[in-house]
């Protein structure tokens, strides 16, 4: 069973922009995770997986296990 996000007994370290952050294990709304680690809403968050950056949608969810690495950057526009 995965601990609820507010269960501080089950916290792990993730890295965001080369800085360690302690966060609860479990499933998080990406927008909430950004707030938790101090990434402002006007920045995008990507996860580094197998050497590639994977964009995360603010309205999507991510499961934190510990050891994940993230990079934030200014929002980029799409082309029509």
C-alpha atoms as a PDB file:
ATOM      1  CA  UNK A   1       0.000   0.000   0.000  1.00  0.00           C
ATOM      2  CA  UNK A   2       1.308   3.449  -0.906  1.00  0.00           C
ATOM      3  CA  UNK A   3       1.324   6.040   1.860  1.00  0.00           C
ATOM      4  CA  UNK A   4      -0.978   9.029   1.408  1.00  0.00           C
ATOM      5  CA  UNK A   5       0.804  12.216   0.234  1.00  0.00           C
ATOM      6  CA  UNK A   6       0.467  13.809   3.686  1.00  0.00           C
ATOM      7  CA  UNK A   7       2.098  10.863   5.522  1.00  0.00           C
ATOM      8  CA  UNK A   8       5.467  12.377   6.482  1.00  0.00           C
ATOM      9  CA  UNK A   9       6.775   9.037   7.732  1.00  0.00           C
ATOM     10  CA  UNK A  10       7.238   8.012   4.098  1.00  0.00           C
ATOM     11  CA  UNK A  11       9.229  10.832   2.566  1.00  0.00           C
ATOM     12  CA  UNK A  12      11.928  10.466  -0.072  1.00  0.00           C
ATOM     13  CA  UNK A  13      14.414  12.731  -1.806  1.00  0.00           C
ATOM     14  CA  UNK A  14      13.943  13.895  -5.391  1.00  0.00           C
ATOM     15  CA  UNK A  15      16.105  16.362  -7.314  1.00  0.00           C
ATOM     16  CA  UNK A  16      14.659  19.461  -8.962  1.00  0.00           C
ATOM     17  CA  UNK A  17      17.000  21.793 -10.830  1.00  0.00           C
ATOM     18  CA  UNK A  18      20.010  20.119  -9.161  1.00  0.00           C
ATOM     19  CA  UNK A  19      18.580  20.754  -5.677  1.00  0.00           C
ATOM     20  CA  UNK A  20      17.406  17.959  -3.336  1.00  0.00           C
ATOM     21  CA  UNK A  21      13.841  18.129  -2.032  1.00  0.00           C
ATOM     22  CA  UNK A  22      12.144  15.853   0.478  1.00  0.00           C
ATOM     23  CA  UNK A  23       8.612  14.939  -0.593  1.00  0.00           C
ATOM     24  CA  UNK A  24       6.039  12.306   0.363  1.00  0.00           C
ATOM     25  CA  UNK A  25       6.036   9.089  -1.645  1.00  0.00           C
ATOM     26  CA  UNK A  26       2.983   8.330  -3.720  1.00  0.00           C
ATOM     27  CA  UNK A  27       0.859   9.831  -6.445  1.00  0.00           C
ATOM     28  CA  UNK A  28       0.928  13.613  -6.887  1.00  0.00           C
ATOM     29  CA  UNK A  29      -0.809  16.041  -9.217  1.00  0.00           C
ATOM     30  CA  UNK A  30       2.089  17.617 -11.139  1.00  0.00           C
ATOM     31  CA  UNK A  31       0.865  21.156 -10.323  1.00  0.00           C
ATOM     32  CA  UNK A  32       0.865  20.267  -6.601  1.00  0.00           C
ATOM     33  CA  UNK A  33       4.328  18.704  -6.810  1.00  0.00           C
ATOM     34  CA  UNK A  34       5.619  21.906  -8.431  1.00  0.00           C
ATOM     35  CA  UNK A  35       4.242  23.955  -5.527  1.00  0.00           C
ATOM     36  CA  UNK A  36       5.737  21.528  -3.016  1.00  0.00           C
ATOM     37  CA  UNK A  37       9.244  21.946  -4.445  1.00  0.00           C
ATOM     38  CA  UNK A  38       9.009  25.672  -5.211  1.00  0.00           C
ATOM     39  CA  UNK A  39       8.584  25.587  -8.995  1.00  0.00           C
ATOM     40  CA  UNK A  40       6.347  28.479 -10.037  1.00  0.00           C
ATOM     41  CA  UNK A  41       3.254  27.947 -12.166  1.00  0.00           C
ATOM     42  CA  UNK A  42       4.813  29.846 -15.077  1.00  0.00           C
ATOM     43  CA  UNK A  43       7.469  27.128 -15.502  1.00  0.00           C
ATOM     44  CA  UNK A  44       7.195  23.674 -17.040  1.00  0.00           C
ATOM     45  CA  UNK A  45       8.498  20.590 -15.274  1.00  0.00           C
ATOM     46  CA  UNK A  46      10.226  17.763 -17.129  1.00  0.00           C
ATOM     47  CA  UNK A  47      11.391  14.454 -15.696  1.00  0.00           C
ATOM     48  CA  UNK A  48      14.790  13.096 -16.672  1.00  0.00           C
ATOM     49  CA  UNK A  49      14.264   9.445 -17.674  1.00  0.00           C
ATOM     50  CA  UNK A  50      16.932   7.292 -19.319  1.00  0.00           C
ATOM     51  CA  UNK A  51      18.820  10.396 -20.443  1.00  0.00           C
ATOM     52  CA  UNK A  52      15.800  12.096 -22.036  1.00  0.00           C
ATOM     53  CA  UNK A  53      13.575  14.890 -20.745  1.00  0.00           C
ATOM     54  CA  UNK A  54       9.918  13.870 -20.519  1.00  0.00           C
ATOM     55  CA  UNK A  55       7.489  16.844 -20.281  1.00  0.00           C
ATOM     56  CA  UNK A  56       4.926  16.659 -17.477  1.00  0.00           C
ATOM     57  CA  UNK A  57       1.455  18.160 -17.816  1.00  0.00           C
ATOM     58  CA  UNK A  58       0.389  20.216 -14.795  1.00  0.00           C
ATOM     59  CA  UNK A  59      -2.987  18.453 -14.811  1.00  0.00           C
ATOM     60  CA  UNK A  60      -1.394  15.004 -14.939  1.00  0.00           C
ATOM     61  CA  UNK A  61      -0.243  12.802 -12.098  1.00  0.00           C
ATOM     62  CA  UNK A  62       3.138  11.345 -11.244  1.00  0.00           C
ATOM     63  CA  UNK A  63       4.040   8.654  -8.750  1.00  0.00           C
ATOM     64  CA  UNK A  64       7.071   9.469  -6.633  1.00  0.00           C
ATOM     65  CA  UNK A  65       9.195   6.543  -5.446  1.00  0.00           C
ATOM     66  CA  UNK A  66      12.378   8.459  -4.585  1.00  0.00           C
ATOM     67  CA  UNK A  67      15.418   9.365  -6.634  1.00  0.00           C
ATOM     68  CA  UNK A  68      13.529  11.002  -9.502  1.00  0.00           C
ATOM     69  CA  UNK A  69      15.241  13.911 -11.257  1.00  0.00           C
ATOM     70  CA  UNK A  70      13.337  16.908 -12.637  1.00  0.00           C
ATOM     71  CA  UNK A  71      14.245  20.042 -14.582  1.00  0.00           C
ATOM     72  CA  UNK A  72      12.082  23.176 -14.679  1.00  0.00           C
ATOM     73  CA  UNK A  73      12.177  25.722 -17.484  1.00  0.00           C
ATOM     74  CA  UNK A  74      10.179  28.621 -18.874  1.00  0.00           C
ATOM     75  CA  UNK A  75       7.031  27.704 -20.737  1.00  0.00           C
ATOM     76  CA  UNK A  76       7.519  27.149 -24.438  1.00  0.00           C
ATOM     77  CA  UNK A  77       4.866  27.963 -26.990  1.00  0.00           C
ATOM     78  CA  UNK A  78       3.527  25.468 -29.466  1.00  0.00           C
ATOM     79  CA  UNK A  79       3.144  26.015 -33.166  1.00  0.00           C
ATOM     80  CA  UNK A  80      -0.229  25.918 -34.846  1.00  0.00           C
END
